Amino acid sequence: MAANSSEQPSKHAALEVKAGSITLPILKLFSADLAILKGQLQQRLGRAPEFFRNAPIIIDLGELGSDGASLDLPELLALLRSLDLNPAGVRGSSEAQQGAAQAAKLALLADIKGEATIAPAAPEQSAPAKPAAPPKSAGPTKLVDHPVRSGQRIYAAGGDLIVMAHVSPGAEIMADGNIHIYGSLKGRALAGVQGNLEARIFCSDLQAELIAIGGHYKISENLDEVAKGTPVQVFLRDDALIVEPLEHSKVF
């Protein structure tokens, strides 16, 4: 009987191919005019330059319609790379655009439903009423009991993330569900990265470079100084990120 070699990789194997879950920003185009695209991209990227720097992105051409025929894909790719973005694939493209994408060594992707829009930071709003308790994640909880150092990235797929220590500047933590940080958050925290707009971030000391829920984000310049150094929770209300003190909470 032949041995089944697919269950356990050989100890001499040089590689292993595994399925994974990675969230990439999606650039959805509504115009083929590169001058317009450049101006609006520069404005958008300027709000959170470190969040998008060297980020791989997917280009969605599905909304261009007849305008798609006039899009110069190689010029678009050059524009994106000049803005420190790394195009990784194309979707919603015509046959001609698919040929140009393949010539540029880009992946051809099928449409994906339900992705979140990365929205610009919105001004904070007063919260007249206490929001409801955060939803419980259906997936597993990932526990990190050590500091998250600069350059590290931790992702809790399908569930919540609990960090029992501080998150350094330049570090990034992500979760499909809620994020709990029992130390200082000085890096980036992204909850609900698969589009869960009910996710929340709980933090004992908010000094973040960036916080985001379901693609809606705030950078450090948009955070209220009053909220820094105190326990807070972050949640979405009417597409705006709300940072609220946890003065009487038993979370911390």
Foldseek 3Di string as FASTA:
>chain_A
DDDDCVPDPDPPDPDDDDDDDDFAAEAEDQALDVVVVLVVVCVQCVQQVVVAALGEYEYEDQNNPPRLVVHDVVVVCVSCVVSRYHYAAYENHDPVVVVVCVVVVHHYDYDDPQAFEQDEADAADDDPDDDDDFDAFPDDEAEAEDEADAPEEAEAERHEYEYCEEYADNYEYEYCAEYEYNYEYAEEYEYNNRQPQRHKYWYAFYNYQKYYYSNYIHGNVRDDPVLGNGIWMWHDDPSHIHTGGPPPDPPD
